[in-house]
Amino acid sequence: VQALQVLSLTLLSVLAANAQTFRPGKCPQPPVQANFDAARYLGKWYEIQKLPAIFQKGECSTATYSLKSPGVVGVLNKELLSNNTVNAITGYAKAKDPSEPAKLEVTFFEDSSPGPYWVLSTDYKGHSVVYSCTEFLSAFHVDFAWILSREPTLSKEKLGELYNLFTSNGINIDVMTVTDQSQELCVDILENAYVLHSSHGMHIESKLLGHVNTFICVSAVDLIFAGASTSRASLPL
């Protein structure tokens, strides 16, 4: 028990130091998008806003979904770091329970546990509201939330509507941050990045910038400490 308490306190200190959104108690259980249609969800989404996440350090973030196989969605996430390095990662998502298709699980590495990806609301052609939550020892949880759009911007009116979707379901978004999707910063850079696979992670290289990053992650706990101490990253979108 003492060891678990020490681990819990260590995790709390790491999360607090990295502005992670952690709360006491278990994860909220918000309702998800009814009759979710993964086929209509495929394609490119721009990240508009998010709760702080230690594995996301950049701007210009995008998520592109494709049909990998029946019932399995391929995932490609990209972001631009402040040093002009393009971070990218591939994975796959599938519904844990076919009767709840909007409650997806995303896997980026075969030797790590999948992460929840719940679509709370989407109209497929305009916006998507995504929520993920990780519990630790049933004592506290870490919230992750994203507002996505098919275009690089969303109206203030739409954002207000989507904020309410979070808050009405007990999800605190007071520290939601804006992702820079400006054309001056983002144009062409992410489009010209490509992904090279390896057996122990993924090598990411930008054709424009020539930087290469390697990503290796074993578990959710490893991800937290990796994100806190190095440039390794894994995007959950």
Protein backbone atom coordinates (compact mmCIF):
# COMPACT_ATOMS: atom_id res chain seq x y z
CA VAL A 1 0.00 0.00 0.00
CA GLN A 2 2.80 2.39 0.88
CA ALA A 3 4.46 1.78 -2.48
CA LEU A 4 1.19 2.58 -4.27
CA GLN A 5 0.87 5.80 -2.28
CA VAL A 6 4.40 6.80 -3.25
CA LEU A 7 3.67 6.05 -6.92
CA SER A 8 0.45 8.06 -6.73
CA LEU A 9 2.22 11.06 -5.20
CA THR A 10 5.01 10.81 -7.76
CA LEU A 11 2.52 10.76 -10.62
CA LEU A 12 0.70 13.75 -9.13
CA SER A 13 3.92 15.75 -8.88
CA VAL A 14 4.89 14.93 -12.47
CA LEU A 15 1.44 15.84 -13.77
CA ALA A 16 1.29 19.05 -11.76
CA ALA A 17 4.72 20.10 -13.00
CA ASN A 18 3.55 19.66 -16.57
CA ALA A 19 0.21 21.49 -16.17
CA GLN A 20 -1.71 18.27 -16.72
CA THR A 21 -5.43 18.35 -15.91
CA PHE A 22 -5.88 15.92 -13.03
CA ARG A 23 -8.90 15.68 -10.72
CA PRO A 24 -9.79 13.65 -7.63
CA GLY A 25 -11.96 10.56 -7.99
CA LYS A 26 -12.91 8.43 -10.94
CA CYS A 27 -13.37 9.46 -14.57
CA PRO A 28 -16.62 11.15 -15.63
CA GLN A 29 -18.87 9.05 -17.87
CA PRO A 30 -20.31 11.54 -20.39
CA PRO A 31 -22.76 10.38 -23.06
CA VAL A 32 -21.27 9.89 -26.51
CA GLN A 33 -22.40 10.54 -30.07
CA ALA A 34 -25.46 8.45 -30.90
CA ASN A 35 -25.30 6.19 -33.96
CA PHE A 36 -21.66 7.04 -34.55
CA ASP A 37 -20.59 6.30 -38.13
CA ALA A 38 -16.83 5.74 -38.38
CA ALA A 39 -16.93 5.81 -42.19
CA ARG A 40 -18.19 9.41 -42.16
CA TYR A 41 -15.55 10.34 -39.59
CA LEU A 42 -12.62 9.43 -41.84
CA GLY A 43 -10.40 12.12 -43.28
CA LYS A 44 -8.46 15.06 -41.89
CA TRP A 45 -9.31 16.99 -38.72
CA TYR A 46 -7.63 20.12 -37.36
CA GLU A 47 -7.08 20.49 -33.63
CA ILE A 48 -8.68 23.78 -32.53
CA GLN A 49 -8.36 23.58 -28.75
CA LYS A 50 -7.30 21.01 -26.16
CA LEU A 51 -6.70 20.44 -22.48
CA PRO A 52 -2.95 20.49 -21.78
CA ALA A 53 -1.27 17.14 -22.46
CA ILE A 54 2.38 16.42 -21.74
CA PHE A 55 2.66 14.36 -24.91
CA GLN A 56 1.57 17.29 -27.09
CA LYS A 57 4.10 20.09 -27.29
CA GLY A 58 3.44 21.75 -30.63
CA GLU A 59 1.09 23.68 -32.87
CA CYS A 60 -0.57 22.99 -36.25
CA SER A 61 -1.82 19.65 -34.89
CA THR A 62 -3.86 17.47 -37.24
CA ALA A 63 -5.38 14.00 -37.11
CA THR A 64 -6.06 11.99 -40.26
CA TYR A 65 -8.20 8.86 -40.13
CA SER A 66 -8.41 6.16 -42.79
CA LEU A 67 -9.96 2.71 -43.10
CA LYS A 68 -7.24 0.24 -42.11
CA SER A 69 -9.41 -2.90 -42.23
CA PRO A 70 -13.06 -3.73 -41.46
CA GLY A 71 -13.83 -2.23 -38.06
CA VAL A 72 -10.34 -0.75 -37.68
CA VAL A 73 -9.48 2.92 -38.32
CA GLY A 74 -5.91 3.97 -39.14
CA VAL A 75 -4.63 7.04 -37.29
CA LEU A 76 -1.97 9.55 -38.35
CA ASN A 77 -1.28 12.49 -36.02
CA LYS A 78 1.11 15.36 -36.72
CA GLU A 79 2.24 18.51 -34.93
CA LEU A 80 4.90 21.17 -35.46
CA LEU A 81 7.31 21.80 -32.58
CA SER A 82 8.89 25.14 -31.73
CA ASN A 83 12.24 24.01 -33.18
CA ASN A 84 10.54 23.37 -36.55
CA THR A 85 10.59 19.61 -36.04
CA VAL A 86 7.50 17.73 -37.20
CA ASN A 87 6.28 15.15 -34.70
CA ALA A 88 4.09 12.43 -36.15
CA ILE A 89 2.83 9.03 -35.13
CA THR A 90 0.64 6.31 -36.59
CA GLY A 91 -1.71 3.91 -34.83
CA TYR A 92 -5.15 2.41 -35.10
CA ALA A 93 -8.51 2.71 -33.38
CA LYS A 94 -11.45 0.39 -32.94
CA ALA A 95 -14.55 0.18 -30.80
CA LYS A 96 -14.15 -1.96 -27.69
CA ASP A 97 -17.85 -2.79 -27.82
CA PRO A 98 -19.58 -2.73 -31.25
CA SER A 99 -22.80 -1.64 -29.54
CA GLU A 100 -21.02 1.61 -28.50
CA PRO A 101 -19.15 2.61 -31.67
CA ALA A 102 -18.35 6.14 -30.43
CA LYS A 103 -16.27 4.70 -27.57
CA LEU A 104 -13.07 3.90 -29.41
CA GLU A 105 -9.74 2.67 -28.13
CA VAL A 106 -6.55 3.91 -29.79
CA THR A 107 -3.31 1.93 -29.92
CA PHE A 108 0.04 3.36 -31.03
CA PHE A 109 2.37 0.60 -29.87
CA GLU A 110 1.62 -3.11 -29.73
CA ASP A 111 3.25 -3.51 -26.32
CA SER A 112 1.29 -0.68 -24.67
CA SER A 113 -2.29 -0.47 -23.49
CA PRO A 114 -4.84 1.31 -25.71
CA GLY A 115 -6.17 4.69 -24.70
CA PRO A 116 -9.85 5.71 -24.72
CA TYR A 117 -11.06 8.00 -27.50
CA TRP A 118 -14.69 8.93 -26.93
CA VAL A 119 -16.49 11.00 -29.54
CA LEU A 120 -18.96 13.05 -27.50
CA SER A 121 -20.35 14.95 -30.47
CA THR A 122 -19.69 15.28 -34.19
CA ASP A 123 -21.54 16.39 -37.29
CA TYR A 124 -18.81 14.71 -39.41
CA LYS A 125 -18.43 17.69 -41.76
CA GLY A 126 -17.73 20.48 -39.25
CA HIS A 127 -16.77 19.67 -35.66
CA SER A 128 -15.83 16.85 -33.33
CA VAL A 129 -15.64 16.82 -29.53
CA VAL A 130 -13.33 14.14 -28.14
CA TYR A 131 -12.78 13.08 -24.54
CA SER A 132 -10.31 10.69 -22.96
CA CYS A 133 -9.65 9.93 -19.31
CA THR A 134 -7.13 7.84 -17.40
CA GLU A 135 -7.62 6.74 -13.79
CA PHE A 136 -4.81 6.12 -11.32
CA LEU A 137 -5.43 3.83 -8.34
CA SER A 138 -9.09 4.97 -8.33
CA ALA A 139 -7.82 7.99 -6.39
CA PHE A 140 -7.64 10.55 -9.17
CA HIS A 141 -8.02 10.85 -12.91
CA VAL A 142 -6.42 12.79 -15.74
CA ASP A 143 -8.68 14.48 -18.29
CA PHE A 144 -7.83 14.87 -21.96
CA ALA A 145 -10.15 16.77 -24.27
CA TRP A 146 -10.01 18.05 -27.82
CA ILE A 147 -12.14 20.21 -30.07
CA LEU A 148 -11.53 19.31 -33.71
CA SER A 149 -12.70 20.86 -36.96
CA ARG A 150 -12.65 20.02 -40.65
CA GLU A 151 -11.27 23.53 -41.19
CA PRO A 152 -8.45 25.35 -39.34
CA THR A 153 -10.96 27.56 -37.49
CA LEU A 154 -14.30 27.36 -35.67
CA SER A 155 -16.67 30.22 -34.88
CA LYS A 156 -16.95 31.60 -31.34
CA GLU A 157 -20.60 30.61 -31.34
CA LYS A 158 -19.78 26.99 -32.14
CA LEU A 159 -16.97 26.93 -29.58
CA GLY A 160 -19.35 28.17 -26.89
CA GLU A 161 -21.77 25.39 -27.76
CA LEU A 162 -19.03 22.78 -27.54
CA TYR A 163 -17.67 24.14 -24.24
CA ASN A 164 -21.10 23.57 -22.75
CA LEU A 165 -21.00 19.95 -23.86
CA PHE A 166 -17.97 19.41 -21.65
CA THR A 167 -19.05 21.42 -18.62
CA SER A 168 -22.59 20.02 -18.54
CA ASN A 169 -21.05 16.57 -18.16
CA GLY A 170 -18.71 17.45 -15.32
CA ILE A 171 -15.55 17.94 -17.40
CA ASN A 172 -13.59 21.02 -16.32
CA ILE A 173 -12.11 22.90 -19.28
CA ASP A 174 -10.91 26.05 -17.50
CA VAL A 175 -7.37 25.50 -18.80
CA MET A 176 -8.31 24.65 -22.39
CA THR A 177 -5.62 25.99 -24.72
CA VAL A 178 -5.83 27.24 -28.32
CA THR A 179 -3.82 25.47 -31.02
CA ASP A 180 -2.22 27.76 -33.59
CA GLN A 181 -3.49 26.78 -37.04
CA SER A 182 -2.42 29.99 -38.79
CA GLN A 183 -1.55 29.62 -42.45
CA GLU A 184 1.76 31.45 -42.01
CA LEU A 185 2.96 28.86 -39.49
CA CYS A 186 1.35 25.66 -40.68
CA VAL A 187 1.05 25.72 -44.46
CA ASP A 188 2.89 22.93 -46.28
CA ILE A 189 5.02 21.82 -43.34
CA LEU A 190 2.84 19.02 -41.99
CA GLU A 191 1.78 17.98 -45.46
CA ASN A 192 5.40 17.31 -46.37
CA ALA A 193 6.24 15.12 -43.38
CA TYR A 194 6.37 11.38 -43.79
CA VAL A 195 6.54 8.44 -41.37
CA LEU A 196 9.14 5.69 -41.37
CA HIS A 197 8.25 2.64 -39.28
CA SER A 198 10.60 0.58 -37.13
CA SER A 199 10.03 -2.42 -34.89
CA HIS A 200 10.69 -0.49 -31.68
CA GLY A 201 9.01 2.80 -32.36
CA MET A 202 8.57 5.20 -35.22
CA HIS A 203 11.07 7.45 -36.98
CA ILE A 204 9.53 10.69 -38.12
CA GLU A 205 11.16 12.89 -40.74
CA SER A 206 10.15 16.15 -42.36
CA LYS A 207 11.03 16.50 -46.04
CA LEU A 208 11.17 20.26 -45.61
CA LEU A 209 13.15 20.43 -42.40
CA GLY A 210 15.19 17.26 -42.33
CA HIS A 211 14.71 16.50 -38.63
CA VAL A 212 14.17 12.95 -37.38
CA ASN A 213 12.52 11.97 -34.10
CA THR A 214 12.20 8.48 -32.62
CA PHE A 215 9.25 7.53 -30.43
CA ILE A 216 9.28 4.58 -28.04
CA CYS A 217 6.60 4.11 -25.41
CA VAL A 218 5.73 1.07 -23.32
CA SER A 219 2.80 2.03 -21.13
CA ALA A 220 0.63 4.92 -19.98
CA VAL A 221 2.86 5.46 -16.93
CA ASP A 222 5.97 5.34 -19.15
CA LEU A 223 4.34 7.92 -21.41
CA ILE A 224 3.79 10.30 -18.50
CA PHE A 225 7.40 10.13 -17.35
CA ALA A 226 8.70 10.18 -20.92
CA GLY A 227 6.70 13.28 -21.72
CA ALA A 228 7.89 14.95 -18.54
CA SER A 229 11.58 14.33 -19.10
CA THR A 230 12.25 13.92 -22.84
CA SER A 231 10.91 14.84 -26.25
CA ARG A 232 9.26 11.44 -26.77
CA ALA A 233 5.58 11.75 -27.45
CA SER A 234 2.46 9.83 -28.34
CA LEU A 235 -0.64 11.64 -29.49
CA PRO A 236 -3.94 10.07 -28.41
CA LEU A 237 -6.09 11.45 -31.12
